Amino acid sequence: SQTVSTDDEDGPTSQPRTHHELIKHGQNTMFSWDMDESIREISNGPHKGGRRSAMMDLCTKMADAGFISQLLDSGFMHKLFLA
């Protein structure tokens, strides 16, 4: 298995990550950024149309079972209820 060292985990106990782990980390990071942006647009959008559009985009994504699984695992559900 191919491994790659990461810069964000420097230290004597850090271990290189496998290709699969790096891909999963990238997917989780992109999901977090996307959800943060969606929540920001829904809760702080300057126009009702923009908030409505952000909510429709999120609802469309929620039709995907993989997205729902990642959403439930991420802890963003709590943030959605606060938005």
PDB file of N, CA and C in Angstrom:
ATOM      1  N   SER A   1       0.836  -1.187   0.000  1.00  0.00           N
ATOM      2  CA  SER A   1       0.000   0.000   0.000  1.00  0.00           C
ATOM      3  C   SER A   1       0.875   1.242   0.000  1.00  0.00           C
ATOM      4  N   GLN A   2       0.531   2.187  -0.819  1.00  0.00           N
ATOM      5  CA  GLN A   2       1.298   3.418  -0.942  1.00  0.00           C
ATOM      6  C   GLN A   2       0.952   4.350   0.211  1.00  0.00           C
ATOM      7  N   THR A   3       1.982   4.944   0.849  1.00  0.00           N
ATOM      8  CA  THR A   3       1.740   5.868   1.949  1.00  0.00           C
ATOM      9  C   THR A   3       2.339   7.215   1.633  1.00  0.00           C
ATOM     10  N   VAL A   4       1.736   8.248   2.206  1.00  0.00           N
ATOM     11  CA  VAL A   4       2.193   9.619   2.031  1.00  0.00           C
ATOM     12  C   VAL A   4       2.189  10.280   3.389  1.00  0.00           C
ATOM     13  N   SER A   5       3.255  10.979   3.714  1.00  0.00           N
ATOM     14  CA  SER A   5       3.332  11.698   4.981  1.00  0.00           C
ATOM     15  C   SER A   5       2.568  13.008   4.863  1.00  0.00           C
ATOM     16  N   THR A   6       1.951  13.457   5.953  1.00  0.00           N
ATOM     17  CA  THR A   6       1.231  14.729   5.944  1.00  0.00           C
ATOM     18  C   THR A   6       1.940  15.740   6.819  1.00  0.00           C
ATOM     19  N   ASP A   7       1.858  17.015   6.433  1.00  0.00           N
ATOM     20  CA  ASP A   7       2.511  18.093   7.172  1.00  0.00           C
ATOM     21  C   ASP A   7       1.730  18.521   8.394  1.00  0.00           C
ATOM     22  N   ASP A   8       0.416  18.264   8.428  1.00  0.00           N
ATOM     23  CA  ASP A   8      -0.403  18.754   9.529  1.00  0.00           C
ATOM     24  C   ASP A   8      -0.303  17.899  10.784  1.00  0.00           C
ATOM     25  N   GLU A   9       0.387  16.795  10.728  1.00  0.00           N
ATOM     26  CA  GLU A   9       0.530  15.942  11.894  1.00  0.00           C
ATOM     27  C   GLU A   9       2.007  15.688  12.190  1.00  0.00           C
ATOM     28  N   ASP A  10       2.764  16.751  12.328  1.00  0.00           N
ATOM     29  CA  ASP A  10       4.180  16.623  12.634  1.00  0.00           C
ATOM     30  C   ASP A  10       4.363  16.152  14.059  1.00  0.00           C
ATOM     31  N   GLY A  11       5.398  15.396  14.294  1.00  0.00           N
ATOM     32  CA  GLY A  11       5.696  14.941  15.641  1.00  0.00           C
ATOM     33  C   GLY A  11       6.296  13.557  15.613  1.00  0.00           C
ATOM     34  N   PRO A  12       6.867  13.164  16.726  1.00  0.00           N
ATOM     35  CA  PRO A  12       7.543  11.870  16.769  1.00  0.00           C
ATOM     36  C   PRO A  12       6.604  10.673  16.667  1.00  0.00           C
ATOM     37  N   THR A  13       5.326  10.844  16.978  1.00  0.00           N
ATOM     38  CA  THR A  13       4.393   9.717  16.935  1.00  0.00           C
ATOM     39  C   THR A  13       3.515   9.717  15.697  1.00  0.00           C
ATOM     40  N   SER A  14       3.667  10.697  14.801  1.00  0.00           N
ATOM     41  CA  SER A  14       2.811  10.749  13.619  1.00  0.00           C
ATOM     42  C   SER A  14       3.183   9.619  12.664  1.00  0.00           C
ATOM     43  N   GLN A  15       2.166   9.064  12.018  1.00  0.00           N
ATOM     44  CA  GLN A  15       2.347   7.958  11.085  1.00  0.00           C
ATOM     45  C   GLN A  15       1.949   8.418   9.690  1.00  0.00           C
ATOM     46  N   PRO A  16       2.614   7.894   8.664  1.00  0.00           N
ATOM     47  CA  PRO A  16       2.191   8.218   7.295  1.00  0.00           C
ATOM     48  C   PRO A  16       0.792   7.668   7.042  1.00  0.00           C
ATOM     49  N   ARG A  17       0.057   8.347   6.209  1.00  0.00           N
ATOM     50  CA  ARG A  17      -1.300   7.914   5.874  1.00  0.00           C
ATOM     51  C   ARG A  17      -1.289   7.164   4.553  1.00  0.00           C
ATOM     52  N   THR A  18      -2.210   6.231   4.425  1.00  0.00           N
ATOM     53  CA  THR A  18      -2.351   5.508   3.166  1.00  0.00           C
ATOM     54  C   THR A  18      -3.100   6.390   2.176  1.00  0.00           C
ATOM     55  N   HIS A  19      -3.044   5.980   0.932  1.00  0.00           N
ATOM     56  CA  HIS A  19      -3.750   6.705  -0.124  1.00  0.00           C
ATOM     57  C   HIS A  19      -5.246   6.784   0.196  1.00  0.00           C
ATOM     58  N   HIS A  20      -5.821   5.675   0.665  1.00  0.00           N
ATOM     59  CA  HIS A  20      -7.250   5.632   1.005  1.00  0.00           C
ATOM     60  C   HIS A  20      -7.576   6.618   2.130  1.00  0.00           C
ATOM     61  N   GLU A  21      -6.722   6.683   3.145  1.00  0.00           N
ATOM     62  CA  GLU A  21      -6.953   7.601   4.267  1.00  0.00           C
ATOM     63  C   GLU A  21      -6.890   9.054   3.811  1.00  0.00           C
ATOM     64  N   LEU A  22      -5.962   9.361   2.913  1.00  0.00           N
ATOM     65  CA  LEU A  22      -5.851  10.732   2.405  1.00  0.00           C
ATOM     66  C   LEU A  22      -7.077  11.118   1.585  1.00  0.00           C
ATOM     67  N   ILE A  23      -7.574  10.200   0.776  1.00  0.00           N
ATOM     68  CA  ILE A  23      -8.776  10.483  -0.018  1.00  0.00           C
ATOM     69  C   ILE A  23      -9.966  10.711   0.902  1.00  0.00           C
ATOM     70  N   LYS A  24     -10.130   9.860   1.907  1.00  0.00           N
ATOM     71  CA  LYS A  24     -11.248  10.003   2.854  1.00  0.00           C
ATOM     72  C   LYS A  24     -11.142  11.331   3.606  1.00  0.00           C
ATOM     73  N   HIS A  25      -9.929  11.690   4.019  1.00  0.00           N
ATOM     74  CA  HIS A  25      -9.721  12.963   4.715  1.00  0.00           C
ATOM     75  C   HIS A  25     -10.100  14.133   3.801  1.00  0.00           C
ATOM     76  N   GLY A  26      -9.719  14.059   2.533  1.00  0.00           N
ATOM     77  CA  GLY A  26     -10.074  15.107   1.573  1.00  0.00           C
ATOM     78  C   GLY A  26     -11.576  15.210   1.368  1.00  0.00           C
ATOM     79  N   GLN A  27     -12.242  14.064   1.281  1.00  0.00           N
ATOM     80  CA  GLN A  27     -13.702  14.063   1.124  1.00  0.00           C
ATOM     81  C   GLN A  27     -14.382  14.666   2.348  1.00  0.00           C
ATOM     82  N   ASN A  28     -13.900  14.317   3.527  1.00  0.00           N
ATOM     83  CA  ASN A  28     -14.475  14.867   4.760  1.00  0.00           C
ATOM     84  C   ASN A  28     -14.247  16.368   4.853  1.00  0.00           C
ATOM     85  N   THR A  29     -13.064  16.826   4.440  1.00  0.00           N
ATOM     86  CA  THR A  29     -12.759  18.260   4.464  1.00  0.00           C
ATOM     87  C   THR A  29     -13.667  19.017   3.506  1.00  0.00           C
ATOM     88  N   MET A  30     -13.841  18.503   2.297  1.00  0.00           N
ATOM     89  CA  MET A  30     -14.716  19.162   1.324  1.00  0.00           C
ATOM     90  C   MET A  30     -16.164  19.180   1.819  1.00  0.00           C
ATOM     91  N   PHE A  31     -16.608  18.081   2.414  1.00  0.00           N
ATOM     92  CA  PHE A  31     -17.959  18.016   2.965  1.00  0.00           C
ATOM     93  C   PHE A  31     -18.132  19.080   4.049  1.00  0.00           C
ATOM     94  N   SER A  32     -17.152  19.200   4.932  1.00  0.00           N
ATOM     95  CA  SER A  32     -17.225  20.193   6.020  1.00  0.00           C
ATOM     96  C   SER A  32     -17.282  21.607   5.470  1.00  0.00           C
ATOM     97  N   TRP A  33     -16.445  21.899   4.487  1.00  0.00           N
ATOM     98  CA  TRP A  33     -16.460  23.244   3.890  1.00  0.00           C
ATOM     99  C   TRP A  33     -17.808  23.522   3.234  1.00  0.00           C
ATOM    100  N   ASP A  34     -18.337  22.528   2.511  1.00  0.00           N
ATOM    101  CA  ASP A  34     -19.616  22.685   1.825  1.00  0.00           C
ATOM    102  C   ASP A  34     -20.751  22.900   2.823  1.00  0.00           C
ATOM    103  N   MET A  35     -20.760  22.123   3.894  1.00  0.00           N
ATOM    104  CA  MET A  35     -21.808  22.268   4.903  1.00  0.00           C
ATOM    105  C   MET A  35     -21.686  23.598   5.648  1.00  0.00           C
ATOM    106  N   ASP A  36     -20.471  24.005   5.977  1.00  0.00           N
ATOM    107  CA  ASP A  36     -20.284  25.306   6.631  1.00  0.00           C
ATOM    108  C   ASP A  36     -20.831  26.429   5.760  1.00  0.00           C
ATOM    109  N   GLU A  37     -20.554  26.360   4.465  1.00  0.00           N
ATOM    110  CA  GLU A  37     -21.043  27.381   3.537  1.00  0.00           C
ATOM    111  C   GLU A  37     -22.571  27.340   3.434  1.00  0.00           C
ATOM    112  N   SER A  38     -23.145  26.152   3.344  1.00  0.00           N
ATOM    113  CA  SER A  38     -24.607  26.030   3.267  1.00  0.00           C
ATOM    114  C   SER A  38     -25.267  26.594   4.516  1.00  0.00           C
ATOM    115  N   ILE A  39     -24.738  26.254   5.675  1.00  0.00           N
ATOM    116  CA  ILE A  39     -25.306  26.745   6.931  1.00  0.00           C
ATOM    117  C   ILE A  39     -25.164  28.258   7.025  1.00  0.00           C
ATOM    118  N   ARG A  40     -24.028  28.779   6.586  1.00  0.00           N
ATOM    119  CA  ARG A  40     -23.822  30.231   6.605  1.00  0.00           C
ATOM    120  C   ARG A  40     -24.844  30.923   5.699  1.00  0.00           C
ATOM    121  N   GLU A  41     -25.053  30.385   4.497  1.00  0.00           N
ATOM    122  CA  GLU A  41     -26.010  30.986   3.565  1.00  0.00           C
ATOM    123  C   GLU A  41     -27.443  30.897   4.093  1.00  0.00           C
ATOM    124  N   ILE A  42     -27.782  29.792   4.730  1.00  0.00           N
ATOM    125  CA  ILE A  42     -29.141  29.620   5.255  1.00  0.00           C
ATOM    126  C   ILE A  42     -29.389  30.539   6.445  1.00  0.00           C
ATOM    127  N   SER A  43     -28.421  30.654   7.330  1.00  0.00           N
ATOM    128  CA  SER A  43     -28.645  31.426   8.557  1.00  0.00           C
ATOM    129  C   SER A  43     -28.352  32.914   8.416  1.00  0.00           C
ATOM    130  N   ASN A  44     -27.417  33.281   7.557  1.00  0.00           N
ATOM    131  CA  ASN A  44     -27.007  34.689   7.478  1.00  0.00           C
ATOM    132  C   ASN A  44     -27.200  35.300   6.104  1.00  0.00           C
ATOM    133  N   GLY A  45     -27.917  34.635   5.240  1.00  0.00           N
ATOM    134  CA  GLY A  45     -28.099  35.157   3.892  1.00  0.00           C
ATOM    135  C   GLY A  45     -28.802  36.505   3.913  1.00  0.00           C
ATOM    136  N   PRO A  46     -28.304  37.460   3.127  1.00  0.00           N
ATOM    137  CA  PRO A  46     -28.885  38.799   3.151  1.00  0.00           C
ATOM    138  C   PRO A  46     -30.266  38.881   2.491  1.00  0.00           C
ATOM    139  N   HIS A  47     -30.564  37.935   1.616  1.00  0.00           N
ATOM    140  CA  HIS A  47     -31.835  37.977   0.895  1.00  0.00           C
ATOM    141  C   HIS A  47     -32.602  36.674   1.121  1.00  0.00           C
ATOM    142  N   LYS A  48     -33.911  36.780   1.219  1.00  0.00           N
ATOM    143  CA  LYS A  48     -34.734  35.584   1.404  1.00  0.00           C
ATOM    144  C   LYS A  48     -34.558  34.612   0.249  1.00  0.00           C
ATOM    145  N   GLY A  49     -34.415  35.144  -0.960  1.00  0.00           N
ATOM    146  CA  GLY A  49     -34.230  34.285  -2.130  1.00  0.00           C
ATOM    147  C   GLY A  49     -32.950  33.478  -2.037  1.00  0.00           C
ATOM    148  N   GLY A  50     -31.894  34.085  -1.514  1.00  0.00           N
ATOM    149  CA  GLY A  50     -30.618  33.385  -1.349  1.00  0.00           C
ATOM    150  C   GLY A  50     -30.704  32.295  -0.307  1.00  0.00           C
ATOM    151  N   ARG A  51     -31.396  32.587   0.780  1.00  0.00           N
ATOM    152  CA  ARG A  51     -31.587  31.568   1.827  1.00  0.00           C
ATOM    153  C   ARG A  51     -32.423  30.409   1.295  1.00  0.00           C
ATOM    154  N   ARG A  52     -33.471  30.757   0.556  1.00  0.00           N
ATOM    155  CA  ARG A  52     -34.348  29.728  -0.017  1.00  0.00           C
ATOM    156  C   ARG A  52     -33.565  28.862  -1.010  1.00  0.00           C
ATOM    157  N   SER A  53     -32.743  29.489  -1.821  1.00  0.00           N
ATOM    158  CA  SER A  53     -31.926  28.755  -2.785  1.00  0.00           C
ATOM    159  C   SER A  53     -30.942  27.823  -2.083  1.00  0.00           C
ATOM    160  N   ALA A  54     -30.321  28.297  -1.010  1.00  0.00           N
ATOM    161  CA  ALA A  54     -29.383  27.466  -0.247  1.00  0.00           C
ATOM    162  C   ALA A  54     -30.110  26.279   0.383  1.00  0.00           C
ATOM    163  N   MET A  55     -31.328  26.504   0.861  1.00  0.00           N
ATOM    164  CA  MET A  55     -32.107  25.409   1.449  1.00  0.00           C
ATOM    165  C   MET A  55     -32.508  24.391   0.384  1.00  0.00           C
ATOM    166  N   MET A  56     -32.864  24.863  -0.806  1.00  0.00           N
ATOM    167  CA  MET A  56     -33.217  23.952  -1.896  1.00  0.00           C
ATOM    168  C   MET A  56     -32.007  23.126  -2.321  1.00  0.00           C
ATOM    169  N   ASP A  57     -30.835  23.755  -2.400  1.00  0.00           N
ATOM    170  CA  ASP A  57     -29.611  23.025  -2.742  1.00  0.00           C
ATOM    171  C   ASP A  57     -29.331  21.935  -1.713  1.00  0.00           C
ATOM    172  N   LEU A  58     -29.476  22.269  -0.444  1.00  0.00           N
ATOM    173  CA  LEU A  58     -29.241  21.295   0.619  1.00  0.00           C
ATOM    174  C   LEU A  58     -30.257  20.149   0.539  1.00  0.00           C
ATOM    175  N   CYS A  59     -31.515  20.472   0.288  1.00  0.00           N
ATOM    176  CA  CYS A  59     -32.546  19.431   0.159  1.00  0.00           C
ATOM    177  C   CYS A  59     -32.253  18.510  -1.021  1.00  0.00           C
ATOM    178  N   THR A  60     -31.761  19.065  -2.114  1.00  0.00           N
ATOM    179  CA  THR A  60     -31.401  18.253  -3.275  1.00  0.00           C
ATOM    180  C   THR A  60     -30.274  17.290  -2.926  1.00  0.00           C
ATOM    181  N   LYS A  61     -29.280  17.773  -2.192  1.00  0.00           N
ATOM    182  CA  LYS A  61     -28.167  16.913  -1.771  1.00  0.00           C
ATOM    183  C   LYS A  61     -28.653  15.817  -0.831  1.00  0.00           C
ATOM    184  N   MET A  62     -29.678  16.124  -0.029  1.00  0.00           N
ATOM    185  CA  MET A  62     -30.188  15.160   0.947  1.00  0.00           C
ATOM    186  C   MET A  62     -30.923  13.996   0.285  1.00  0.00           C
ATOM    187  N   ALA A  63     -31.196  14.081  -1.000  1.00  0.00           N
ATOM    188  CA  ALA A  63     -31.812  12.965  -1.715  1.00  0.00           C
ATOM    189  C   ALA A  63     -30.817  11.821  -1.911  1.00  0.00           C
ATOM    190  N   ASP A  64     -29.533  12.099  -1.721  1.00  0.00           N
ATOM    191  CA  ASP A  64     -28.475  11.096  -1.868  1.00  0.00           C
ATOM    192  C   ASP A  64     -28.220  10.418  -0.522  1.00  0.00           C
ATOM    193  N   ALA A  65     -28.374   9.101  -0.478  1.00  0.00           N
ATOM    194  CA  ALA A  65     -28.191   8.354   0.776  1.00  0.00           C
ATOM    195  C   ALA A  65     -26.771   8.499   1.316  1.00  0.00           C
ATOM    196  N   GLY A  66     -25.777   8.595   0.432  1.00  0.00           N
ATOM    197  CA  GLY A  66     -24.394   8.777   0.873  1.00  0.00           C
ATOM    198  C   GLY A  66     -24.205  10.106   1.572  1.00  0.00           C
ATOM    199  N   PHE A  67     -24.864  11.142   1.057  1.00  0.00           N
ATOM    200  CA  PHE A  67     -24.786  12.461   1.681  1.00  0.00           C
ATOM    201  C   PHE A  67     -25.422  12.422   3.064  1.00  0.00           C
ATOM    202  N   ILE A  68     -26.576  11.773   3.174  1.00  0.00           N
ATOM    203  CA  ILE A  68     -27.269  11.674   4.467  1.00  0.00           C
ATOM    204  C   ILE A  68     -26.405  10.932   5.478  1.00  0.00           C
ATOM    205  N   SER A  69     -25.784   9.849   5.038  1.00  0.00           N
ATOM    206  CA  SER A  69     -24.916   9.081   5.931  1.00  0.00           C
ATOM    207  C   SER A  69     -23.764   9.942   6.440  1.00  0.00           C
ATOM    208  N   GLN A  70     -23.139  10.685   5.529  1.00  0.00           N
ATOM    209  CA  GLN A  70     -22.036  11.560   5.924  1.00  0.00           C
ATOM    210  C   GLN A  70     -22.538  12.688   6.823  1.00  0.00           C
ATOM    211  N   LEU A  71     -23.716  13.208   6.542  1.00  0.00           N
ATOM    212  CA  LEU A  71     -24.299  14.269   7.355  1.00  0.00           C
ATOM    213  C   LEU A  71     -24.551  13.787   8.785  1.00  0.00           C
ATOM    214  N   LEU A  72     -25.108  12.601   8.921  1.00  0.00           N
ATOM    215  CA  LEU A  72     -25.387  12.060  10.253  1.00  0.00           C
ATOM    216  C   LEU A  72     -24.107  11.752  11.025  1.00  0.00           C
ATOM    217  N   ASP A  73     -23.071  11.314  10.323  1.00  0.00           N
ATOM    218  CA  ASP A  73     -21.795  10.998  10.968  1.00  0.00           C
ATOM    219  C   ASP A  73     -21.000  12.242  11.340  1.00  0.00           C
ATOM    220  N   SER A  74     -21.297  13.366  10.708  1.00  0.00           N
ATOM    221  CA  SER A  74     -20.455  14.558  10.846  1.00  0.00           C
ATOM    222  C   SER A  74     -20.783  15.444  12.039  1.00  0.00           C
ATOM    223  N   GLY A  75     -21.989  15.405  12.535  1.00  0.00           N
ATOM    224  CA  GLY A  75     -22.364  16.315  13.608  1.00  0.00           C
ATOM    225  C   GLY A  75     -22.943  17.629  13.103  1.00  0.00           C
ATOM    226  N   PHE A  76     -23.116  17.757  11.797  1.00  0.00           N
ATOM    227  CA  PHE A  76     -23.674  18.990  11.242  1.00  0.00           C
ATOM    228  C   PHE A  76     -25.182  19.089  11.433  1.00  0.00           C
ATOM    229  N   MET A  77     -25.849  17.987  11.759  1.00  0.00           N
ATOM    230  CA  MET A  77     -27.300  18.042  11.973  1.00  0.00           C
ATOM    231  C   MET A  77     -27.640  19.040  13.078  1.00  0.00           C
ATOM    232  N   HIS A  78     -26.850  19.043  14.130  1.00  0.00           N
ATOM    233  CA  HIS A  78     -27.070  19.979  15.236  1.00  0.00           C
ATOM    234  C   HIS A  78     -26.961  21.421  14.743  1.00  0.00           C
ATOM    235  N   LYS A  79     -25.969  21.693  13.908  1.00  0.00           N
ATOM    236  CA  LYS A  79     -25.786  23.050  13.381  1.00  0.00           C
ATOM    237  C   LYS A  79     -26.945  23.454  12.482  1.00  0.00           C
ATOM    238  N   LEU A  80     -27.504  22.498  11.748  1.00  0.00           N
ATOM    239  CA  LEU A  80     -28.640  22.812  10.877  1.00  0.00           C
ATOM    240  C   LEU A  80     -29.848  23.260  11.684  1.00  0.00           C
ATOM    241  N   PHE A  81     -30.075  22.633  12.817  1.00  0.00           N
ATOM    242  CA  PHE A  81     -31.221  23.016  13.640  1.00  0.00           C
ATOM    243  C   PHE A  81     -31.026  24.388  14.278  1.00  0.00           C
ATOM    244  N   LEU A  82     -29.789  24.810  14.439  1.00  0.00           N
ATOM    245  CA  LEU A  82     -29.510  26.129  15.002  1.00  0.00           C
ATOM    246  C   LEU A  82     -29.536  27.221  13.945  1.00  0.00           C
ATOM    247  N   ALA A  83     -29.460  26.844  12.659  1.00  0.00           N
ATOM    248  CA  ALA A  83     -29.382  27.824  11.574  1.00  0.00           C
ATOM    249  C   ALA A  83     -30.649  28.554  11.388  1.00  0.00           C
TER     250      ALA A  83
END
